[in-house]
Amino acid sequence: MDKRTFLKSMTMAGLTWPLSGRCGPLSGSLLSEWVGRFGDQPEEVLEAFISRVKEVNYQGAYYMRTVQFERKKAMAARLAEIAGCSAEELIITRNTTESLDMVISGYPWQTGDEAIMAQQDYGAMLNMFRQVGRRYGVVPKLVSVPNHPASDEELVSLYADAITPRTRLLMVSHLINITGQIIPVRMICDMAHARGVEVMVDGAHRLLKHYKIYTVAIDAPEAGVQGCRITPNLFTLPEELDVLVGALKEMGATLPTA
């Protein structure tokens, strides 16, 4: 089933909840139907953010030339502690799309390389794979994740059957954005790594409080497993903020892109 067909079959009943009590200034008449794109902020977070913006605006060039670097390093270190990796393995980005696009567009592709992804993955990522397909001759291979698989093993086999000797990268969403379906990432990573295929995990819809458990569960970078890149959204921060986590020994192979 494609995205449009699935969404048409869904009802919004039971999928909304009031924001009052979570965000302070908002009235109880407002409902939040989609927190994947925008994370509403608690009042304390909003006030701290505004205070920091005022401070940066006041310091101006001084901040840009001096203060920002140490603060960014300190924040990366704090996020790395939560994520269970080293600060050198973590990059703060503006959102998950930017994080994953950095990996996809900066990957050392060669003509004829194959990449595996699902039709249900986020559209911006699929578009980037199409772009590198036109630019570098990469072959995107799409699988379709069933809404009601018989078992986790069925999903693992779905990705395994798509792998060929030309497969370089496999993208998998830990939680599919349009259905909420949780994918057995650990099992898929183990399968792909055993075949010499790197894995890029889209973890945008995983809550931060679950993130450390999540990275440990799939033997991600802190355990030194080759080729896992995980990107969770930090939902209670202004608009969007994201972290890109990658095994340090693999970072040099992926060139950052503007």
C-alpha atoms as a PDB file:
ATOM      1  CA  MET A   1       0.000   0.000   0.000  1.00  0.00           C
ATOM      2  CA  ASP A   2       1.389   3.423  -0.938  1.00  0.00           C
ATOM      3  CA  LYS A   3       1.316   6.486   1.332  1.00  0.00           C
ATOM      4  CA  ARG A   4      -1.665   8.191  -0.273  1.00  0.00           C
ATOM      5  CA  THR A   5      -3.832   5.067  -0.162  1.00  0.00           C
ATOM      6  CA  PHE A   6      -2.916   4.447   3.459  1.00  0.00           C
ATOM      7  CA  LEU A   7      -3.660   8.010   4.560  1.00  0.00           C
ATOM      8  CA  LYS A   8      -7.038   7.953   2.805  1.00  0.00           C
ATOM      9  CA  SER A   9      -7.933   4.825   4.755  1.00  0.00           C
ATOM     10  CA  MET A  10      -7.027   6.387   8.104  1.00  0.00           C
ATOM     11  CA  THR A  11      -9.280   8.324  10.451  1.00  0.00           C
ATOM     12  CA  MET A  12      -8.014  11.121  12.678  1.00  0.00           C
ATOM     13  CA  ALA A  13     -10.296  10.040  15.535  1.00  0.00           C
ATOM     14  CA  GLY A  14      -8.213   9.457  18.589  1.00  0.00           C
ATOM     15  CA  LEU A  15      -5.080  10.896  16.988  1.00  0.00           C
ATOM     16  CA  THR A  16      -5.331  14.402  18.451  1.00  0.00           C
ATOM     17  CA  TRP A  17      -4.639  15.673  21.926  1.00  0.00           C
ATOM     18  CA  PRO A  18      -4.847  19.101  23.601  1.00  0.00           C
ATOM     19  CA  LEU A  19      -1.682  21.110  24.024  1.00  0.00           C
ATOM     20  CA  SER A  20      -2.867  22.941  27.144  1.00  0.00           C
ATOM     21  CA  GLY A  21      -0.680  22.127  30.122  1.00  0.00           C
ATOM     22  CA  ARG A  22       2.271  21.267  27.905  1.00  0.00           C
ATOM     23  CA  CYS A  23       3.121  24.614  26.390  1.00  0.00           C
ATOM     24  CA  GLY A  24       1.868  27.205  28.845  1.00  0.00           C
ATOM     25  CA  PRO A  25       0.692  30.104  26.665  1.00  0.00           C
ATOM     26  CA  LEU A  26      -1.435  28.076  24.252  1.00  0.00           C
ATOM     27  CA  SER A  27      -5.154  27.807  24.931  1.00  0.00           C
ATOM     28  CA  GLY A  28      -6.993  24.558  25.492  1.00  0.00           C
ATOM     29  CA  SER A  29      -8.879  25.087  22.234  1.00  0.00           C
ATOM     30  CA  LEU A  30      -5.811  24.180  20.182  1.00  0.00           C
ATOM     31  CA  LEU A  31      -5.085  20.608  19.167  1.00  0.00           C
ATOM     32  CA  SER A  32      -1.822  19.052  18.027  1.00  0.00           C
ATOM     33  CA  GLU A  33      -2.333  16.587  15.196  1.00  0.00           C
ATOM     34  CA  TRP A  34       1.274  16.307  14.017  1.00  0.00           C
ATOM     35  CA  VAL A  35       4.369  16.587  16.186  1.00  0.00           C
ATOM     36  CA  GLY A  36       6.690  14.936  13.700  1.00  0.00           C
ATOM     37  CA  ARG A  37       7.336  18.209  11.873  1.00  0.00           C
ATOM     38  CA  PHE A  38       7.159  20.690  14.743  1.00  0.00           C
ATOM     39  CA  GLY A  39       7.830  20.049  18.422  1.00  0.00           C
ATOM     40  CA  ASP A  40       5.746  22.305  20.651  1.00  0.00           C
ATOM     41  CA  GLN A  41       7.922  23.645  23.456  1.00  0.00           C
ATOM     42  CA  PRO A  42       7.254  23.737  27.186  1.00  0.00           C
ATOM     43  CA  GLU A  43       7.187  27.304  28.475  1.00  0.00           C
ATOM     44  CA  GLU A  44      10.534  26.902  30.256  1.00  0.00           C
ATOM     45  CA  VAL A  45      12.253  25.769  27.057  1.00  0.00           C
ATOM     46  CA  LEU A  46      10.690  28.602  25.060  1.00  0.00           C
ATOM     47  CA  GLU A  47      11.835  31.216  27.586  1.00  0.00           C
ATOM     48  CA  ALA A  48      15.370  29.812  27.659  1.00  0.00           C
ATOM     49  CA  PHE A  49      15.511  29.839  23.867  1.00  0.00           C
ATOM     50  CA  ILE A  50      14.342  33.457  23.628  1.00  0.00           C
ATOM     51  CA  SER A  51      16.870  34.469  26.293  1.00  0.00           C
ATOM     52  CA  ARG A  52      19.700  32.839  24.346  1.00  0.00           C
ATOM     53  CA  VAL A  53      18.617  34.489  21.080  1.00  0.00           C
ATOM     54  CA  LYS A  54      18.702  37.879  22.814  1.00  0.00           C
ATOM     55  CA  GLU A  55      22.152  37.122  24.198  1.00  0.00           C
ATOM     56  CA  VAL A  56      23.520  36.160  20.781  1.00  0.00           C
ATOM     57  CA  ASN A  57      21.946  39.255  19.229  1.00  0.00           C
ATOM     58  CA  TYR A  58      23.574  41.452  21.890  1.00  0.00           C
ATOM     59  CA  GLN A  59      27.047  39.887  21.566  1.00  0.00           C
ATOM     60  CA  GLY A  60      26.962  39.887  17.777  1.00  0.00           C
ATOM     61  CA  ALA A  61      30.333  39.369  16.119  1.00  0.00           C
ATOM     62  CA  TYR A  62      31.992  38.608  19.450  1.00  0.00           C
ATOM     63  CA  TYR A  63      29.735  35.602  19.893  1.00  0.00           C
ATOM     64  CA  MET A  64      30.299  34.420  16.325  1.00  0.00           C
ATOM     65  CA  ARG A  65      34.088  34.702  16.623  1.00  0.00           C
ATOM     66  CA  THR A  66      34.550  33.295  20.128  1.00  0.00           C
ATOM     67  CA  VAL A  67      31.755  32.060  22.362  1.00  0.00           C
ATOM     68  CA  GLN A  68      29.832  29.898  19.895  1.00  0.00           C
ATOM     69  CA  PHE A  69      32.560  27.313  19.403  1.00  0.00           C
ATOM     70  CA  GLU A  70      32.948  26.337  23.040  1.00  0.00           C
ATOM     71  CA  ARG A  71      29.194  26.311  23.567  1.00  0.00           C
ATOM     72  CA  LYS A  72      28.637  24.047  20.591  1.00  0.00           C
ATOM     73  CA  LYS A  73      31.323  21.668  21.845  1.00  0.00           C
ATOM     74  CA  ALA A  74      29.758  21.637  25.294  1.00  0.00           C
ATOM     75  CA  MET A  75      26.297  20.943  23.893  1.00  0.00           C
ATOM     76  CA  ALA A  76      27.604  18.174  21.641  1.00  0.00           C
ATOM     77  CA  ALA A  77      29.242  16.572  24.673  1.00  0.00           C
ATOM     78  CA  ARG A  78      25.983  16.661  26.640  1.00  0.00           C
ATOM     79  CA  LEU A  79      23.999  15.204  23.751  1.00  0.00           C
ATOM     80  CA  ALA A  80      26.631  12.523  23.210  1.00  0.00           C
ATOM     81  CA  GLU A  81      26.276  11.450  26.836  1.00  0.00           C
ATOM     82  CA  ILE A  82      22.547  10.977  26.294  1.00  0.00           C
ATOM     83  CA  ALA A  83      23.094   9.209  22.975  1.00  0.00           C
ATOM     84  CA  GLY A  84      25.748   6.874  24.351  1.00  0.00           C
ATOM     85  CA  CYS A  85      28.495   7.853  21.891  1.00  0.00           C
ATOM     86  CA  SER A  86      31.530  10.132  21.863  1.00  0.00           C
ATOM     87  CA  ALA A  87      31.167  13.830  21.043  1.00  0.00           C
ATOM     88  CA  GLU A  88      33.359  13.275  17.957  1.00  0.00           C
ATOM     89  CA  GLU A  89      30.739  10.870  16.597  1.00  0.00           C
ATOM     90  CA  LEU A  90      27.842  13.308  16.925  1.00  0.00           C
ATOM     91  CA  ILE A  91      26.911  16.243  14.697  1.00  0.00           C
ATOM     92  CA  ILE A  92      24.189  18.770  15.520  1.00  0.00           C
ATOM     93  CA  THR A  93      22.096  19.568  12.460  1.00  0.00           C
ATOM     94  CA  ARG A  94      18.903  21.500  11.737  1.00  0.00           C
ATOM     95  CA  ASN A  95      16.664  18.499  11.147  1.00  0.00           C
ATOM     96  CA  THR A  96      16.615  14.834  10.202  1.00  0.00           C
ATOM     97  CA  THR A  97      16.329  15.577   6.485  1.00  0.00           C
ATOM     98  CA  GLU A  98      19.579  17.513   6.594  1.00  0.00           C
ATOM     99  CA  SER A  99      21.278  14.737   8.572  1.00  0.00           C
ATOM    100  CA  LEU A 100      20.286  11.961   6.207  1.00  0.00           C
ATOM    101  CA  ASP A 101      20.886  14.050   3.096  1.00  0.00           C
ATOM    102  CA  MET A 102      24.453  14.662   4.298  1.00  0.00           C
ATOM    103  CA  VAL A 103      25.011  10.919   4.368  1.00  0.00           C
ATOM    104  CA  ILE A 104      23.240  10.147   1.094  1.00  0.00           C
ATOM    105  CA  SER A 105      24.795  12.961  -0.947  1.00  0.00           C
ATOM    106  CA  GLY A 106      28.229  12.662   0.670  1.00  0.00           C
ATOM    107  CA  TYR A 107      28.542   8.891   0.396  1.00  0.00           C
ATOM    108  CA  PRO A 108      31.422   7.683  -1.854  1.00  0.00           C
ATOM    109  CA  TRP A 109      29.162   6.309  -4.580  1.00  0.00           C
ATOM    110  CA  GLN A 110      30.374   4.660  -7.750  1.00  0.00           C
ATOM    111  CA  THR A 111      28.406   4.098 -10.940  1.00  0.00           C
ATOM    112  CA  GLY A 112      26.205   1.033 -10.630  1.00  0.00           C
ATOM    113  CA  ASP A 113      26.104   1.014  -6.821  1.00  0.00           C
ATOM    114  CA  GLU A 114      22.746   0.080  -5.337  1.00  0.00           C
ATOM    115  CA  ALA A 115      20.891   1.530  -2.354  1.00  0.00           C
ATOM    116  CA  ILE A 116      17.894  -0.084  -0.662  1.00  0.00           C
ATOM    117  CA  MET A 117      15.004   1.816   0.905  1.00  0.00           C
ATOM    118  CA  ALA A 118      11.255   1.421   1.452  1.00  0.00           C
ATOM    119  CA  GLN A 119       8.373   3.093  -0.368  1.00  0.00           C
ATOM    120  CA  GLN A 120       7.129   4.104   3.083  1.00  0.00           C
ATOM    121  CA  ASP A 121      10.323   5.990   3.978  1.00  0.00           C
ATOM    122  CA  TYR A 122      10.243   9.768   4.260  1.00  0.00           C
ATOM    123  CA  GLY A 123       9.812  11.434   0.865  1.00  0.00           C
ATOM    124  CA  ALA A 124      12.762  13.827   1.171  1.00  0.00           C
ATOM    125  CA  MET A 125      15.129  10.887   1.549  1.00  0.00           C
ATOM    126  CA  LEU A 126      13.661   9.108  -1.468  1.00  0.00           C
ATOM    127  CA  ASN A 127      14.114  12.291  -3.492  1.00  0.00           C
ATOM    128  CA  MET A 128      17.770  12.530  -2.466  1.00  0.00           C
ATOM    129  CA  PHE A 129      18.386   8.933  -3.531  1.00  0.00           C
ATOM    130  CA  ARG A 130      16.818   9.745  -6.905  1.00  0.00           C
ATOM    131  CA  GLN A 131      19.125  12.742  -7.182  1.00  0.00           C
ATOM    132  CA  VAL A 132      22.296  10.736  -6.498  1.00  0.00           C
ATOM    133  CA  GLY A 133      20.935   8.188  -8.947  1.00  0.00           C
ATOM    134  CA  ARG A 134      20.910  10.817 -11.695  1.00  0.00           C
ATOM    135  CA  ARG A 135      24.201  12.352 -10.576  1.00  0.00           C
ATOM    136  CA  TYR A 136      26.325   9.272  -9.892  1.00  0.00           C
ATOM    137  CA  GLY A 137      24.489   6.405 -11.560  1.00  0.00           C
ATOM    138  CA  VAL A 138      23.317   4.907  -8.255  1.00  0.00           C
ATOM    139  CA  VAL A 139      20.422   2.442  -8.541  1.00  0.00           C
ATOM    140  CA  PRO A 140      17.722   2.980  -5.858  1.00  0.00           C
ATOM    141  CA  LYS A 141      15.876  -0.262  -5.021  1.00  0.00           C
ATOM    142  CA  LEU A 142      12.503   0.107  -3.335  1.00  0.00           C
ATOM    143  CA  VAL A 143      10.831  -2.452  -1.120  1.00  0.00           C
ATOM    144  CA  SER A 144       7.298  -2.143   0.265  1.00  0.00           C
ATOM    145  CA  VAL A 145       6.841  -2.743   3.994  1.00  0.00           C
ATOM    146  CA  PRO A 146       3.596  -4.633   4.715  1.00  0.00           C
ATOM    147  CA  ASN A 147       1.290  -3.034   7.267  1.00  0.00           C
ATOM    148  CA  HIS A 148       0.659  -6.361   8.976  1.00  0.00           C
ATOM    149  CA  PRO A 149       3.739  -8.593   8.653  1.00  0.00           C
ATOM    150  CA  ALA A 150       3.477 -12.102  10.036  1.00  0.00           C
ATOM    151  CA  SER A 151       6.707 -11.640  12.002  1.00  0.00           C
ATOM    152  CA  ASP A 152       9.846  -9.529  12.355  1.00  0.00           C
ATOM    153  CA  GLU A 153      11.609 -12.167  10.295  1.00  0.00           C
ATOM    154  CA  GLU A 154       9.326 -11.352   7.353  1.00  0.00           C
ATOM    155  CA  LEU A 155      10.551  -7.752   7.417  1.00  0.00           C
ATOM    156  CA  VAL A 156      14.190  -8.792   7.686  1.00  0.00           C
ATOM    157  CA  SER A 157      13.749 -11.120   4.707  1.00  0.00           C
ATOM    158  CA  LEU A 158      12.141  -8.305   2.743  1.00  0.00           C
ATOM    159  CA  TYR A 159      15.342  -6.263   2.966  1.00  0.00           C
ATOM    160  CA  ALA A 160      17.652  -9.273   2.699  1.00  0.00           C
ATOM    161  CA  ASP A 161      16.084 -10.395  -0.580  1.00  0.00           C
ATOM    162  CA  ALA A 162      16.812  -6.960  -2.101  1.00  0.00           C
ATOM    163  CA  ILE A 163      20.561  -7.122  -1.385  1.00  0.00           C
ATOM    164  CA  THR A 164      22.899  -7.909  -4.283  1.00  0.00           C
ATOM    165  CA  PRO A 165      26.706  -7.798  -4.646  1.00  0.00           C
ATOM    166  CA  ARG A 166      26.296  -4.131  -5.763  1.00  0.00           C
ATOM    167  CA  THR A 167      24.409  -3.008  -2.632  1.00  0.00           C
ATOM    168  CA  ARG A 168      26.354  -0.349  -0.704  1.00  0.00           C
ATOM    169  CA  LEU A 169      23.814   1.267   1.623  1.00  0.00           C
ATOM    170  CA  LEU A 170      20.512   0.250   3.185  1.00  0.00           C
ATOM    171  CA  MET A 171      18.203   2.866   4.677  1.00  0.00           C
ATOM    172  CA  VAL A 172      15.616   1.803   7.238  1.00  0.00           C
ATOM    173  CA  SER A 173      13.180   3.819   9.342  1.00  0.00           C
ATOM    174  CA  HIS A 174      13.006   2.747  12.945  1.00  0.00           C
ATOM    175  CA  LEU A 175       9.459   4.087  13.072  1.00  0.00           C
ATOM    176  CA  ILE A 176       7.634   4.670   9.798  1.00  0.00           C
ATOM    177  CA  ASN A 177       6.340   8.234   9.764  1.00  0.00           C
ATOM    178  CA  ILE A 178       2.962   7.572   8.112  1.00  0.00           C
ATOM    179  CA  THR A 179       1.897   4.466  10.045  1.00  0.00           C
ATOM    180  CA  GLY A 180       3.782   4.477  13.346  1.00  0.00           C
ATOM    181  CA  GLN A 181       4.979   0.959  12.546  1.00  0.00           C
ATOM    182  CA  ILE A 182       8.151   0.010  14.447  1.00  0.00           C
ATOM    183  CA  ILE A 183      10.719  -1.844  12.347  1.00  0.00           C
ATOM    184  CA  PRO A 184      13.141  -4.444  13.842  1.00  0.00           C
ATOM    185  CA  VAL A 185      16.217  -2.306  13.242  1.00  0.00           C
ATOM    186  CA  ARG A 186      18.641  -4.437  15.253  1.00  0.00           C
ATOM    187  CA  MET A 187      17.783  -7.547  13.251  1.00  0.00           C
ATOM    188  CA  ILE A 188      18.028  -5.695   9.936  1.00  0.00           C
ATOM    189  CA  CYS A 189      21.370  -4.122  10.897  1.00  0.00           C
ATOM    190  CA  ASP A 190      22.791  -7.517  11.903  1.00  0.00           C
ATOM    191  CA  MET A 191      21.606  -9.060   8.639  1.00  0.00           C
ATOM    192  CA  ALA A 192      23.009  -6.251   6.492  1.00  0.00           C
ATOM    193  CA  HIS A 193      26.343  -6.067   8.306  1.00  0.00           C
ATOM    194  CA  ALA A 194      26.797  -9.814   7.870  1.00  0.00           C
ATOM    195  CA  ARG A 195      26.530  -9.190   4.126  1.00  0.00           C
ATOM    196  CA  GLY A 196      28.935  -6.254   4.175  1.00  0.00           C
ATOM    197  CA  VAL A 197      26.240  -3.600   3.666  1.00  0.00           C
ATOM    198  CA  GLU A 198      26.201  -0.334   5.608  1.00  0.00           C
ATOM    199  CA  VAL A 199      22.983   0.809   7.258  1.00  0.00           C
ATOM    200  CA  MET A 200      21.567   4.302   7.657  1.00  0.00           C
ATOM    201  CA  VAL A 201      18.796   4.470  10.271  1.00  0.00           C
ATOM    202  CA  ASP A 202      16.148   7.183  10.149  1.00  0.00           C
ATOM    203  CA  GLY A 203      15.273   7.624  13.828  1.00  0.00           C
ATOM    204  CA  ALA A 204      13.424  10.926  13.461  1.00  0.00           C
ATOM    205  CA  HIS A 205      10.311   9.765  15.260  1.00  0.00           C
ATOM    206  CA  ARG A 206      11.982   8.266  18.288  1.00  0.00           C
ATOM    207  CA  LEU A 207      11.577  10.237  21.494  1.00  0.00           C
ATOM    208  CA  LEU A 208      14.810  11.461  23.032  1.00  0.00           C
ATOM    209  CA  LYS A 209      14.130   9.725  26.337  1.00  0.00           C
ATOM    210  CA  HIS A 210      14.133   6.405  24.486  1.00  0.00           C
ATOM    211  CA  TYR A 211      17.168   7.166  22.378  1.00  0.00           C
ATOM    212  CA  LYS A 212      19.935   5.709  24.559  1.00  0.00           C
ATOM    213  CA  ILE A 213      18.004   2.468  24.959  1.00  0.00           C
ATOM    214  CA  TYR A 214      17.486   2.458  21.201  1.00  0.00           C
ATOM    215  CA  THR A 215      21.147   2.905  20.280  1.00  0.00           C
ATOM    216  CA  VAL A 216      22.281   0.218  22.682  1.00  0.00           C
ATOM    217  CA  ALA A 217      19.618  -2.126  21.374  1.00  0.00           C
ATOM    218  CA  ILE A 218      20.993  -2.057  17.831  1.00  0.00           C
ATOM    219  CA  ASP A 219      24.698  -2.018  18.717  1.00  0.00           C
ATOM    220  CA  ALA A 220      25.084   1.455  17.254  1.00  0.00           C
ATOM    221  CA  PRO A 221      28.254   3.590  17.166  1.00  0.00           C
ATOM    222  CA  GLU A 222      29.122   3.438  20.831  1.00  0.00           C
ATOM    223  CA  ALA A 223      29.716  -0.284  20.402  1.00  0.00           C
ATOM    224  CA  GLY A 224      31.836   0.325  17.316  1.00  0.00           C
ATOM    225  CA  VAL A 225      29.573  -1.456  14.868  1.00  0.00           C
ATOM    226  CA  GLN A 226      30.446  -0.457  11.332  1.00  0.00           C
ATOM    227  CA  GLY A 227      28.070   1.624   9.288  1.00  0.00           C
ATOM    228  CA  CYS A 228      25.199   2.614  11.568  1.00  0.00           C
ATOM    229  CA  ARG A 229      24.039   6.214  11.345  1.00  0.00           C
ATOM    230  CA  ILE A 230      21.111   7.224  13.526  1.00  0.00           C
ATOM    231  CA  THR A 231      19.203  10.516  13.441  1.00  0.00           C
ATOM    232  CA  PRO A 232      16.606  11.270  16.135  1.00  0.00           C
ATOM    233  CA  ASN A 233      14.597  14.480  16.340  1.00  0.00           C
ATOM    234  CA  LEU A 234      14.797  16.384  19.617  1.00  0.00           C
ATOM    235  CA  PHE A 235      11.124  17.174  19.819  1.00  0.00           C
ATOM    236  CA  THR A 236      10.960  19.841  22.528  1.00  0.00           C
ATOM    237  CA  LEU A 237      13.451  22.220  20.927  1.00  0.00           C
ATOM    238  CA  PRO A 238      12.705  25.213  18.673  1.00  0.00           C
ATOM    239  CA  GLU A 239      11.144  24.074  15.410  1.00  0.00           C
ATOM    240  CA  GLU A 240      13.542  21.265  14.514  1.00  0.00           C
ATOM    241  CA  LEU A 241      16.917  20.170  15.772  1.00  0.00           C
ATOM    242  CA  ASP A 242      18.576  16.876  15.075  1.00  0.00           C
ATOM    243  CA  VAL A 243      21.717  14.920  15.788  1.00  0.00           C
ATOM    244  CA  LEU A 244      23.553  12.732  13.297  1.00  0.00           C
ATOM    245  CA  VAL A 245      25.433   9.885  14.965  1.00  0.00           C
ATOM    246  CA  GLY A 246      27.984   7.797  13.114  1.00  0.00           C
ATOM    247  CA  ALA A 247      30.774   5.395  13.931  1.00  0.00           C
ATOM    248  CA  LEU A 248      33.976   7.467  14.071  1.00  0.00           C
ATOM    249  CA  LYS A 249      35.954   5.111  11.842  1.00  0.00           C
ATOM    250  CA  GLU A 250      33.283   5.486   9.127  1.00  0.00           C
ATOM    251  CA  MET A 251      32.918   9.270   9.218  1.00  0.00           C
ATOM    252  CA  GLY A 252      35.908   9.944   6.992  1.00  0.00           C
ATOM    253  CA  ALA A 253      34.318   8.052   4.106  1.00  0.00           C
ATOM    254  CA  THR A 254      31.309  10.370   4.019  1.00  0.00           C
ATOM    255  CA  LEU A 255      32.014  13.867   2.739  1.00  0.00           C
ATOM    256  CA  PRO A 256      29.847  16.639   4.226  1.00  0.00           C
ATOM    257  CA  THR A 257      27.854  18.623   1.692  1.00  0.00           C
ATOM    258  CA  ALA A 258      26.556  22.179   1.892  1.00  0.00           C
END
